[in-house]
């Protein structure tokens, strides 16, 4: 079984910064990708940023230039550095990982709330 545990959410004023952390644990053979999604009230869950095993990244247009995703392979951990936060960044942020154990699986964390006040 695989677990994803997120941390680092909270409340920050507009223009501020936060760093989210997601650690994967369990019977992991290979992590194929790790990333972050978010869901604001009344909206669908959307991609924020993803980091592939080869180091390739993909960001939502709305966060390009402000957010940065990185990974510590030794710790099976992914980070999301969020700078210049805006009120519209307010959402529950979910960690996602595509991990091979004895089979390929798609895993989600429980989410961490980020609130940006104006």
N, C-alpha and C. Protein backbone atom coordinates (compact mmCIF):
# COMPACT_ATOMS: atom_id res chain seq x y z
N UNK A 1 0.85 -1.20 0.00
CA UNK A 1 0.00 0.00 0.00
C UNK A 1 0.88 1.24 0.00
N UNK A 2 0.37 2.29 -0.61
CA UNK A 2 1.10 3.55 -0.72
C UNK A 2 0.33 4.64 0.01
N UNK A 3 1.04 5.48 0.71
CA UNK A 3 0.44 6.65 1.36
C UNK A 3 1.14 7.92 0.92
N UNK A 4 0.34 8.97 0.72
CA UNK A 4 0.86 10.29 0.43
C UNK A 4 0.44 11.21 1.57
N UNK A 5 1.38 11.87 2.19
CA UNK A 5 1.09 12.76 3.30
C UNK A 5 1.55 14.16 2.94
N UNK A 6 0.59 15.09 2.92
CA UNK A 6 0.88 16.48 2.58
C UNK A 6 1.05 17.31 3.85
N UNK A 7 1.81 18.38 3.72
CA UNK A 7 1.93 19.36 4.80
C UNK A 7 2.31 20.70 4.19
N UNK A 8 2.16 21.75 5.01
CA UNK A 8 2.60 23.08 4.58
C UNK A 8 1.51 24.05 4.23
N UNK A 9 0.26 23.62 4.23
CA UNK A 9 -0.82 24.55 3.95
C UNK A 9 -1.01 25.54 5.07
N UNK A 10 -1.83 26.53 4.82
CA UNK A 10 -2.10 27.53 5.83
C UNK A 10 -2.70 28.78 5.23
N UNK A 11 -2.70 29.84 6.02
CA UNK A 11 -3.24 31.12 5.58
C UNK A 11 -2.12 32.12 5.41
N UNK A 12 -2.16 32.82 4.31
CA UNK A 12 -1.12 33.80 4.01
C UNK A 12 -1.77 34.99 3.32
N UNK A 13 -1.16 36.14 3.46
CA UNK A 13 -1.66 37.33 2.77
C UNK A 13 -1.23 37.31 1.31
N UNK A 14 -2.00 37.99 0.50
CA UNK A 14 -1.66 38.11 -0.92
C UNK A 14 -0.23 38.64 -1.07
N UNK A 15 0.50 38.04 -2.00
CA UNK A 15 1.90 38.40 -2.20
C UNK A 15 2.87 37.56 -1.41
N UNK A 16 2.35 36.77 -0.48
CA UNK A 16 3.19 35.94 0.35
C UNK A 16 3.56 34.63 -0.31
N UNK A 17 4.24 33.79 0.48
CA UNK A 17 4.73 32.51 -0.03
C UNK A 17 4.39 31.37 0.94
N UNK A 18 4.27 30.20 0.38
CA UNK A 18 4.12 28.97 1.14
C UNK A 18 4.84 27.86 0.39
N UNK A 19 5.27 26.84 1.14
CA UNK A 19 5.84 25.66 0.52
C UNK A 19 5.08 24.44 0.98
N UNK A 20 4.55 23.70 0.03
CA UNK A 20 3.86 22.45 0.31
C UNK A 20 4.83 21.28 0.15
N UNK A 21 4.63 20.28 1.00
CA UNK A 21 5.45 19.07 0.96
C UNK A 21 4.55 17.86 0.89
N UNK A 22 4.95 16.88 0.09
CA UNK A 22 4.22 15.62 0.00
C UNK A 22 5.22 14.48 0.03
N UNK A 23 5.06 13.61 1.01
CA UNK A 23 5.96 12.47 1.15
C UNK A 23 5.21 11.18 0.85
N UNK A 24 5.80 10.38 -0.01
CA UNK A 24 5.22 9.08 -0.36
C UNK A 24 5.92 7.98 0.43
N UNK A 25 5.13 7.03 0.90
CA UNK A 25 5.69 5.90 1.63
C UNK A 25 4.94 4.64 1.27
N UNK A 26 5.58 3.51 1.56
CA UNK A 26 4.95 2.23 1.27
C UNK A 26 5.83 1.36 0.40
N UNK A 27 5.22 0.40 -0.23
CA UNK A 27 5.93 -0.58 -1.03
C UNK A 27 6.12 -0.03 -2.45
N UNK A 28 7.06 0.89 -2.57
CA UNK A 28 7.25 1.62 -3.82
C UNK A 28 8.40 1.02 -4.62
N UNK A 29 8.09 0.61 -5.83
CA UNK A 29 9.14 0.14 -6.73
C UNK A 29 9.69 1.28 -7.56
N UNK A 30 8.78 2.13 -8.03
CA UNK A 30 9.19 3.26 -8.87
C UNK A 30 8.14 4.34 -8.82
N UNK A 31 8.59 5.58 -8.68
CA UNK A 31 7.69 6.73 -8.77
C UNK A 31 7.80 7.29 -10.18
N UNK A 32 6.71 7.26 -10.90
CA UNK A 32 6.71 7.69 -12.30
C UNK A 32 6.49 9.19 -12.44
N UNK A 33 5.66 9.74 -11.58
CA UNK A 33 5.47 11.18 -11.55
C UNK A 33 4.86 11.57 -10.20
N UNK A 34 5.11 12.81 -9.82
CA UNK A 34 4.48 13.38 -8.63
C UNK A 34 4.06 14.79 -8.97
N UNK A 35 2.96 15.20 -8.40
CA UNK A 35 2.49 16.54 -8.72
C UNK A 35 1.43 17.02 -7.76
N UNK A 36 0.91 18.19 -8.09
CA UNK A 36 -0.08 18.85 -7.26
C UNK A 36 -1.29 19.27 -8.10
N UNK A 37 -2.44 19.06 -7.52
CA UNK A 37 -3.70 19.54 -8.07
C UNK A 37 -4.36 20.39 -7.00
N UNK A 38 -5.34 21.18 -7.41
CA UNK A 38 -6.09 21.96 -6.43
C UNK A 38 -7.56 22.01 -6.80
N UNK A 39 -8.36 22.23 -5.76
CA UNK A 39 -9.79 22.35 -5.97
C UNK A 39 -10.32 23.49 -5.11
N UNK A 40 -10.81 24.50 -5.77
CA UNK A 40 -11.42 25.64 -5.08
C UNK A 40 -12.91 25.36 -4.89
N UNK A 41 -13.54 26.02 -3.92
CA UNK A 41 -14.98 25.78 -3.68
C UNK A 41 -15.80 26.00 -4.94
N UNK A 42 -16.63 25.02 -5.26
CA UNK A 42 -17.51 25.14 -6.41
C UNK A 42 -16.85 24.91 -7.74
N UNK A 43 -15.58 24.52 -7.73
CA UNK A 43 -14.86 24.31 -8.98
C UNK A 43 -14.33 22.89 -9.07
N UNK A 44 -13.98 22.49 -10.29
CA UNK A 44 -13.40 21.18 -10.51
C UNK A 44 -11.94 21.16 -10.07
N UNK A 45 -11.46 19.98 -9.76
CA UNK A 45 -10.05 19.83 -9.44
C UNK A 45 -9.22 20.09 -10.70
N UNK A 46 -8.13 20.84 -10.55
CA UNK A 46 -7.31 21.18 -11.69
C UNK A 46 -5.83 20.94 -11.42
N UNK A 47 -5.10 20.68 -12.48
CA UNK A 47 -3.67 20.50 -12.37
C UNK A 47 -2.99 21.81 -11.99
N UNK A 48 -2.05 21.74 -11.06
CA UNK A 48 -1.22 22.89 -10.72
C UNK A 48 0.17 22.70 -11.32
N UNK A 49 0.80 21.59 -10.97
CA UNK A 49 2.15 21.31 -11.48
C UNK A 49 2.43 19.83 -11.33
N UNK A 50 3.20 19.30 -12.27
CA UNK A 50 3.57 17.89 -12.21
C UNK A 50 5.03 17.76 -12.62
N UNK A 51 5.70 16.79 -12.00
CA UNK A 51 7.12 16.55 -12.27
C UNK A 51 7.28 15.07 -12.61
N UNK A 52 7.74 14.80 -13.82
CA UNK A 52 7.94 13.43 -14.25
C UNK A 52 9.26 12.87 -13.76
N UNK A 53 9.41 11.56 -13.93
CA UNK A 53 10.61 10.89 -13.44
C UNK A 53 11.86 11.36 -14.18
N UNK A 54 11.67 11.84 -15.40
CA UNK A 54 12.81 12.33 -16.18
C UNK A 54 13.15 13.78 -15.91
N UNK A 55 12.40 14.39 -15.00
CA UNK A 55 12.65 15.79 -14.67
C UNK A 55 11.81 16.77 -15.44
N UNK A 56 10.98 16.28 -16.34
CA UNK A 56 10.11 17.18 -17.11
C UNK A 56 9.01 17.72 -16.22
N UNK A 57 8.65 18.98 -16.43
CA UNK A 57 7.63 19.63 -15.62
C UNK A 57 6.51 20.17 -16.49
N UNK A 58 5.36 20.32 -15.86
CA UNK A 58 4.20 20.91 -16.53
C UNK A 58 3.48 21.75 -15.50
N UNK A 59 3.21 23.00 -15.84
CA UNK A 59 2.55 23.92 -14.93
C UNK A 59 1.26 24.45 -15.56
N UNK A 60 0.29 24.71 -14.71
CA UNK A 60 -0.89 25.44 -15.17
C UNK A 60 -0.46 26.85 -15.55
N UNK A 61 -1.09 27.39 -16.58
CA UNK A 61 -0.73 28.74 -17.02
C UNK A 61 -0.88 29.75 -15.89
N UNK A 62 -1.85 29.54 -15.04
CA UNK A 62 -2.15 30.51 -13.99
C UNK A 62 -1.06 30.59 -12.92
N UNK A 63 -0.17 29.59 -12.87
CA UNK A 63 0.86 29.60 -11.82
C UNK A 63 2.28 29.72 -12.38
N UNK A 64 2.40 29.72 -13.69
CA UNK A 64 3.74 29.80 -14.29
C UNK A 64 4.44 31.09 -13.86
N UNK A 65 5.70 30.93 -13.49
CA UNK A 65 6.47 32.07 -13.02
C UNK A 65 6.31 32.38 -11.55
N UNK A 66 5.33 31.76 -10.91
CA UNK A 66 5.10 32.00 -9.47
C UNK A 66 5.34 30.75 -8.64
N UNK A 67 4.99 29.59 -9.17
CA UNK A 67 5.12 28.32 -8.45
C UNK A 67 6.26 27.52 -9.06
N UNK A 68 6.88 26.71 -8.20
CA UNK A 68 7.97 25.85 -8.66
C UNK A 68 7.86 24.49 -7.98
N UNK A 69 7.93 23.43 -8.78
CA UNK A 69 7.84 22.08 -8.25
C UNK A 69 9.23 21.46 -8.26
N UNK A 70 9.53 20.72 -7.21
CA UNK A 70 10.82 20.03 -7.13
C UNK A 70 10.64 18.72 -6.37
N UNK A 71 11.65 17.89 -6.42
CA UNK A 71 11.51 16.56 -5.83
C UNK A 71 12.83 16.11 -5.22
N UNK A 72 12.72 15.43 -4.09
CA UNK A 72 13.87 14.77 -3.46
C UNK A 72 13.65 13.27 -3.65
N UNK A 73 14.35 12.70 -4.61
CA UNK A 73 14.13 11.29 -4.93
C UNK A 73 14.50 10.37 -3.77
N UNK A 74 15.52 10.73 -3.02
CA UNK A 74 15.94 9.89 -1.90
C UNK A 74 14.88 9.80 -0.82
N UNK A 75 14.06 10.84 -0.72
CA UNK A 75 13.03 10.88 0.32
C UNK A 75 11.63 10.62 -0.24
N UNK A 76 11.54 10.35 -1.54
CA UNK A 76 10.23 10.16 -2.19
C UNK A 76 9.29 11.32 -1.85
N UNK A 77 9.82 12.51 -1.94
CA UNK A 77 9.10 13.70 -1.53
C UNK A 77 9.08 14.72 -2.66
N UNK A 78 7.93 15.38 -2.82
CA UNK A 78 7.79 16.45 -3.80
C UNK A 78 7.40 17.72 -3.07
N UNK A 79 7.90 18.83 -3.57
CA UNK A 79 7.65 20.13 -2.97
C UNK A 79 6.97 21.05 -3.99
N UNK A 80 6.17 21.97 -3.48
CA UNK A 80 5.61 23.01 -4.32
C UNK A 80 5.88 24.34 -3.64
N UNK A 81 6.79 25.09 -4.20
CA UNK A 81 7.08 26.42 -3.69
C UNK A 81 6.14 27.40 -4.37
N UNK A 82 5.35 28.09 -3.58
CA UNK A 82 4.35 29.01 -4.11
C UNK A 82 4.70 30.43 -3.68
N UNK A 83 5.00 31.26 -4.64
CA UNK A 83 5.35 32.65 -4.38
C UNK A 83 4.31 33.58 -5.01
N UNK A 84 4.32 34.81 -4.57
CA UNK A 84 3.39 35.82 -5.11
C UNK A 84 1.97 35.30 -5.13
N UNK A 85 1.56 34.76 -4.02
CA UNK A 85 0.24 34.14 -3.94
C UNK A 85 -0.86 35.17 -4.11
N UNK A 86 -1.94 34.72 -4.75
CA UNK A 86 -3.10 35.56 -5.02
C UNK A 86 -4.32 34.95 -4.34
N UNK A 87 -5.34 35.76 -4.05
CA UNK A 87 -6.57 35.19 -3.46
C UNK A 87 -7.15 34.06 -4.30
N UNK A 88 -7.01 34.13 -5.60
CA UNK A 88 -7.56 33.06 -6.46
C UNK A 88 -6.77 31.76 -6.37
N UNK A 89 -5.66 31.76 -5.66
CA UNK A 89 -4.93 30.51 -5.40
C UNK A 89 -5.53 29.74 -4.22
N UNK A 90 -6.49 30.34 -3.55
CA UNK A 90 -7.14 29.68 -2.42
C UNK A 90 -7.83 28.41 -2.88
N UNK A 91 -7.48 27.30 -2.24
CA UNK A 91 -8.02 25.99 -2.63
C UNK A 91 -7.47 24.93 -1.69
N UNK A 92 -8.05 23.75 -1.81
CA UNK A 92 -7.43 22.57 -1.20
C UNK A 92 -6.46 22.00 -2.23
N UNK A 93 -5.24 21.82 -1.81
CA UNK A 93 -4.18 21.31 -2.69
C UNK A 93 -3.96 19.82 -2.40
N UNK A 94 -4.00 19.04 -3.45
CA UNK A 94 -3.87 17.59 -3.34
C UNK A 94 -2.58 17.13 -4.01
N UNK A 95 -1.87 16.28 -3.31
CA UNK A 95 -0.71 15.62 -3.91
C UNK A 95 -1.18 14.42 -4.72
N UNK A 96 -0.56 14.22 -5.86
CA UNK A 96 -0.86 13.07 -6.71
C UNK A 96 0.45 12.39 -7.11
N UNK A 97 0.42 11.08 -7.12
CA UNK A 97 1.61 10.35 -7.56
C UNK A 97 1.20 9.12 -8.35
N UNK A 98 1.92 8.90 -9.43
CA UNK A 98 1.75 7.69 -10.22
C UNK A 98 2.93 6.79 -9.88
N UNK A 99 2.62 5.70 -9.20
CA UNK A 99 3.64 4.87 -8.57
C UNK A 99 3.46 3.43 -8.99
N UNK A 100 4.59 2.78 -9.27
CA UNK A 100 4.57 1.35 -9.55
C UNK A 100 4.95 0.61 -8.28
N UNK A 101 4.05 -0.28 -7.84
CA UNK A 101 4.37 -1.21 -6.75
C UNK A 101 4.53 -2.57 -7.42
N UNK A 102 3.58 -3.43 -7.26
CA UNK A 102 3.55 -4.65 -8.09
C UNK A 102 2.71 -4.40 -9.35
N UNK A 103 2.06 -3.27 -9.36
CA UNK A 103 1.29 -2.81 -10.52
C UNK A 103 1.36 -1.29 -10.53
N UNK A 104 0.89 -0.70 -11.61
CA UNK A 104 0.86 0.76 -11.71
C UNK A 104 -0.37 1.31 -11.01
N UNK A 105 -0.18 2.30 -10.16
CA UNK A 105 -1.30 2.89 -9.46
C UNK A 105 -1.26 4.41 -9.48
N UNK A 106 -2.41 5.02 -9.27
CA UNK A 106 -2.56 6.47 -9.21
C UNK A 106 -3.06 6.81 -7.80
N UNK A 107 -2.26 7.57 -7.08
CA UNK A 107 -2.53 7.79 -5.66
C UNK A 107 -2.75 9.27 -5.36
N UNK A 108 -3.58 9.51 -4.34
CA UNK A 108 -3.91 10.88 -3.92
C UNK A 108 -3.68 11.04 -2.42
N UNK A 109 -3.23 12.22 -2.04
CA UNK A 109 -3.21 12.59 -0.63
C UNK A 109 -4.57 13.10 -0.21
N UNK A 110 -4.69 13.41 1.08
CA UNK A 110 -5.98 13.86 1.62
C UNK A 110 -6.22 15.34 1.38
N UNK A 111 -5.17 16.07 1.03
CA UNK A 111 -5.32 17.49 0.74
C UNK A 111 -4.90 18.38 1.88
N UNK A 112 -4.43 19.56 1.52
CA UNK A 112 -4.07 20.58 2.51
C UNK A 112 -4.62 21.92 2.03
N UNK A 113 -5.22 22.66 2.94
CA UNK A 113 -5.90 23.89 2.59
C UNK A 113 -4.93 25.06 2.54
N UNK A 114 -4.99 25.79 1.45
CA UNK A 114 -4.24 27.03 1.30
C UNK A 114 -5.25 28.17 1.16
N UNK A 115 -5.14 29.15 2.04
CA UNK A 115 -6.03 30.30 2.00
C UNK A 115 -5.19 31.55 1.84
N UNK A 116 -5.50 32.34 0.81
CA UNK A 116 -4.77 33.57 0.55
C UNK A 116 -5.74 34.73 0.75
N UNK A 117 -5.43 35.56 1.72
CA UNK A 117 -6.31 36.69 2.03
C UNK A 117 -5.86 37.94 1.27
N UNK A 118 -6.84 38.75 0.94
CA UNK A 118 -6.51 39.98 0.17
C UNK A 118 -6.21 41.14 1.09
